[in-house]
Amino acid sequence: MRKIKVIVKPGSRLNSCQPTLEEGVYLVRVTPPAREGKANKALLKVISRYFHLSPSKVILTKGTTARIKEITLLD
């Protein structure tokens, strides 16, 4: 089990994930807007692809309405 921090940019042109200069913090861009949980669903998909995990192994633990979120990755 590993916890990471994520800075989310909803409404971007493409989905992407990249590490920042700070260890354990990632910048994730998602195309859906931050409405009705659409950006959070896209965020979990992007993170699962980036870390090569199944989507059920990626859990949003903190920050459902914030831009800075905490995500738990289950091994």
N, C-alpha and C. Protein backbone atom coordinates (compact mmCIF):
# COMPACT_ATOMS: atom_id res chain seq x y z
N MET A 1 0.85 -1.17 0.00
CA MET A 1 0.00 0.00 0.00
C MET A 1 0.90 1.24 0.00
N ARG A 2 0.56 2.17 -0.86
CA ARG A 2 1.35 3.39 -1.02
C ARG A 2 0.41 4.57 -1.16
N LYS A 3 0.75 5.70 -0.55
CA LYS A 3 -0.07 6.90 -0.66
C LYS A 3 0.70 7.94 -1.46
N ILE A 4 -0.02 8.60 -2.36
CA ILE A 4 0.58 9.67 -3.15
C ILE A 4 -0.33 10.89 -3.09
N LYS A 5 0.24 12.06 -3.34
CA LYS A 5 -0.54 13.29 -3.46
C LYS A 5 -0.65 13.63 -4.92
N VAL A 6 -1.80 14.17 -5.29
CA VAL A 6 -2.07 14.48 -6.69
C VAL A 6 -2.62 15.89 -6.78
N ILE A 7 -2.10 16.65 -7.73
CA ILE A 7 -2.65 17.97 -8.06
C ILE A 7 -3.41 17.78 -9.37
N VAL A 8 -4.71 18.07 -9.35
CA VAL A 8 -5.56 17.80 -10.51
C VAL A 8 -5.86 19.08 -11.26
N LYS A 9 -5.77 18.99 -12.59
CA LYS A 9 -6.13 20.10 -13.49
C LYS A 9 -7.28 19.62 -14.38
N PRO A 10 -8.54 19.82 -13.97
CA PRO A 10 -9.66 19.39 -14.79
C PRO A 10 -9.86 20.31 -16.00
N GLY A 11 -10.53 19.79 -17.01
CA GLY A 11 -10.82 20.58 -18.21
C GLY A 11 -9.61 20.78 -19.10
N SER A 12 -8.63 19.92 -19.02
CA SER A 12 -7.44 20.04 -19.87
C SER A 12 -7.71 19.47 -21.26
N ARG A 13 -6.78 19.67 -22.16
CA ARG A 13 -6.95 19.17 -23.53
C ARG A 13 -6.74 17.67 -23.64
N LEU A 14 -5.90 17.13 -22.76
CA LEU A 14 -5.64 15.68 -22.81
C LEU A 14 -5.39 15.16 -21.41
N ASN A 15 -5.51 13.84 -21.27
CA ASN A 15 -5.25 13.19 -19.99
C ASN A 15 -3.76 12.88 -19.89
N SER A 16 -3.15 13.26 -18.78
CA SER A 16 -1.73 12.96 -18.58
C SER A 16 -1.40 12.95 -17.10
N CYS A 17 -0.29 12.29 -16.79
CA CYS A 17 0.20 12.23 -15.42
C CYS A 17 1.71 12.40 -15.48
N GLN A 18 2.24 13.26 -14.62
CA GLN A 18 3.69 13.46 -14.58
C GLN A 18 4.11 13.77 -13.15
N PRO A 19 5.26 13.27 -12.75
CA PRO A 19 5.76 13.58 -11.40
C PRO A 19 6.20 15.03 -11.32
N THR A 20 6.10 15.59 -10.13
CA THR A 20 6.58 16.96 -9.90
C THR A 20 7.97 16.88 -9.27
N LEU A 21 8.51 18.02 -8.94
CA LEU A 21 9.84 18.05 -8.32
C LEU A 21 9.83 17.47 -6.91
N GLU A 22 8.67 17.52 -6.26
CA GLU A 22 8.54 16.98 -4.92
C GLU A 22 8.25 15.48 -4.99
N GLU A 23 8.93 14.69 -4.22
CA GLU A 23 8.77 13.24 -4.27
C GLU A 23 7.38 12.82 -3.77
N GLY A 24 6.71 11.95 -4.51
CA GLY A 24 5.40 11.46 -4.12
C GLY A 24 4.25 12.35 -4.50
N VAL A 25 4.51 13.40 -5.28
CA VAL A 25 3.47 14.33 -5.73
C VAL A 25 3.42 14.30 -7.25
N TYR A 26 2.21 14.17 -7.80
CA TYR A 26 2.03 14.06 -9.25
C TYR A 26 1.05 15.12 -9.73
N LEU A 27 1.30 15.63 -10.92
CA LEU A 27 0.40 16.55 -11.59
C LEU A 27 -0.39 15.75 -12.62
N VAL A 28 -1.70 15.75 -12.48
CA VAL A 28 -2.56 14.97 -13.37
C VAL A 28 -3.53 15.91 -14.07
N ARG A 29 -3.52 15.85 -15.39
CA ARG A 29 -4.46 16.63 -16.20
C ARG A 29 -5.53 15.68 -16.73
N VAL A 30 -6.81 16.09 -16.59
CA VAL A 30 -7.93 15.28 -17.07
C VAL A 30 -8.84 16.16 -17.92
N THR A 31 -9.46 15.55 -18.93
CA THR A 31 -10.30 16.32 -19.84
C THR A 31 -11.68 16.66 -19.29
N PRO A 32 -12.34 15.81 -18.49
CA PRO A 32 -13.68 16.19 -18.01
C PRO A 32 -13.63 17.37 -17.05
N PRO A 33 -14.71 18.15 -16.99
CA PRO A 33 -14.77 19.25 -16.03
C PRO A 33 -15.00 18.71 -14.61
N ALA A 34 -14.79 19.56 -13.64
CA ALA A 34 -14.94 19.17 -12.24
C ALA A 34 -16.41 19.28 -11.83
N ARG A 35 -17.24 18.46 -12.43
CA ARG A 35 -18.67 18.44 -12.13
C ARG A 35 -19.14 17.00 -11.98
N GLU A 36 -19.97 16.77 -10.98
CA GLU A 36 -20.63 15.48 -10.77
C GLU A 36 -19.65 14.31 -10.67
N GLY A 37 -18.45 14.56 -10.21
CA GLY A 37 -17.46 13.50 -10.01
C GLY A 37 -16.81 12.98 -11.28
N LYS A 38 -17.07 13.63 -12.41
CA LYS A 38 -16.49 13.16 -13.68
C LYS A 38 -14.97 13.28 -13.69
N ALA A 39 -14.44 14.37 -13.15
CA ALA A 39 -12.98 14.55 -13.12
C ALA A 39 -12.34 13.52 -12.18
N ASN A 40 -13.00 13.20 -11.08
CA ASN A 40 -12.44 12.21 -10.15
C ASN A 40 -12.40 10.83 -10.79
N LYS A 41 -13.41 10.45 -11.55
CA LYS A 41 -13.42 9.16 -12.23
C LYS A 41 -12.30 9.10 -13.26
N ALA A 42 -12.13 10.17 -14.02
CA ALA A 42 -11.06 10.22 -15.01
C ALA A 42 -9.69 10.19 -14.32
N LEU A 43 -9.58 10.87 -13.19
CA LEU A 43 -8.33 10.88 -12.42
C LEU A 43 -7.93 9.46 -12.03
N LEU A 44 -8.87 8.67 -11.53
CA LEU A 44 -8.55 7.31 -11.11
C LEU A 44 -8.13 6.45 -12.30
N LYS A 45 -8.74 6.68 -13.47
CA LYS A 45 -8.34 5.94 -14.67
C LYS A 45 -6.91 6.30 -15.08
N VAL A 46 -6.60 7.59 -15.09
CA VAL A 46 -5.27 8.04 -15.50
C VAL A 46 -4.21 7.50 -14.54
N ILE A 47 -4.48 7.56 -13.25
CA ILE A 47 -3.52 7.06 -12.25
C ILE A 47 -3.33 5.55 -12.41
N SER A 48 -4.41 4.82 -12.63
CA SER A 48 -4.28 3.36 -12.76
C SER A 48 -3.48 2.99 -14.00
N ARG A 49 -3.64 3.73 -15.08
CA ARG A 49 -2.83 3.47 -16.29
C ARG A 49 -1.37 3.82 -16.07
N TYR A 50 -1.12 4.94 -15.39
CA TYR A 50 0.25 5.39 -15.17
C TYR A 50 1.03 4.40 -14.32
N PHE A 51 0.40 3.85 -13.29
CA PHE A 51 1.08 2.92 -12.39
C PHE A 51 0.84 1.46 -12.78
N HIS A 52 0.19 1.21 -13.91
CA HIS A 52 -0.08 -0.14 -14.41
C HIS A 52 -0.81 -1.00 -13.37
N LEU A 53 -1.87 -0.42 -12.81
CA LEU A 53 -2.70 -1.11 -11.83
C LEU A 53 -4.12 -1.22 -12.35
N SER A 54 -4.88 -2.13 -11.80
CA SER A 54 -6.29 -2.20 -12.15
C SER A 54 -7.00 -1.03 -11.45
N PRO A 55 -8.06 -0.49 -12.04
CA PRO A 55 -8.75 0.65 -11.42
C PRO A 55 -9.28 0.37 -10.02
N SER A 56 -9.54 -0.89 -9.70
CA SER A 56 -10.02 -1.22 -8.35
C SER A 56 -8.92 -1.11 -7.30
N LYS A 57 -7.67 -1.00 -7.71
CA LYS A 57 -6.53 -0.88 -6.80
C LYS A 57 -6.16 0.57 -6.50
N VAL A 58 -6.92 1.52 -7.07
CA VAL A 58 -6.65 2.95 -6.90
C VAL A 58 -7.84 3.56 -6.15
N ILE A 59 -7.58 4.11 -4.96
CA ILE A 59 -8.65 4.63 -4.11
C ILE A 59 -8.39 6.09 -3.78
N LEU A 60 -9.40 6.91 -3.98
CA LEU A 60 -9.33 8.32 -3.60
C LEU A 60 -9.66 8.41 -2.12
N THR A 61 -8.67 8.78 -1.30
CA THR A 61 -8.87 8.77 0.15
C THR A 61 -9.17 10.14 0.74
N LYS A 62 -8.63 11.20 0.16
CA LYS A 62 -8.88 12.55 0.68
C LYS A 62 -9.00 13.53 -0.47
N GLY A 63 -9.82 14.56 -0.28
CA GLY A 63 -9.89 15.66 -1.23
C GLY A 63 -10.84 15.46 -2.38
N THR A 64 -12.01 14.91 -2.14
CA THR A 64 -12.94 14.67 -3.25
C THR A 64 -13.37 15.95 -3.94
N THR A 65 -13.40 17.07 -3.22
CA THR A 65 -13.80 18.33 -3.84
C THR A 65 -12.63 19.31 -3.98
N ALA A 66 -11.44 18.90 -3.58
CA ALA A 66 -10.27 19.78 -3.65
C ALA A 66 -9.42 19.45 -4.86
N ARG A 67 -8.54 20.35 -5.24
CA ARG A 67 -7.63 20.09 -6.37
C ARG A 67 -6.43 19.27 -5.93
N ILE A 68 -6.08 19.34 -4.67
CA ILE A 68 -4.99 18.51 -4.15
C ILE A 68 -5.64 17.34 -3.43
N LYS A 69 -5.32 16.13 -3.90
CA LYS A 69 -5.96 14.93 -3.40
C LYS A 69 -4.93 13.94 -2.90
N GLU A 70 -5.38 13.01 -2.06
CA GLU A 70 -4.54 11.92 -1.62
C GLU A 70 -5.12 10.62 -2.18
N ILE A 71 -4.27 9.81 -2.79
CA ILE A 71 -4.71 8.57 -3.40
C ILE A 71 -3.91 7.43 -2.81
N THR A 72 -4.61 6.34 -2.52
CA THR A 72 -3.96 5.13 -2.01
C THR A 72 -3.86 4.13 -3.15
N LEU A 73 -2.66 3.61 -3.34
CA LEU A 73 -2.43 2.58 -4.36
C LEU A 73 -2.25 1.25 -3.65
N LEU A 74 -3.09 0.29 -3.95
CA LEU A 74 -3.02 -1.04 -3.34
C LEU A 74 -2.19 -1.94 -4.23
N ASP A 75 -1.27 -2.68 -3.63
CA ASP A 75 -0.40 -3.58 -4.40
C ASP A 75 -1.00 -4.96 -4.51
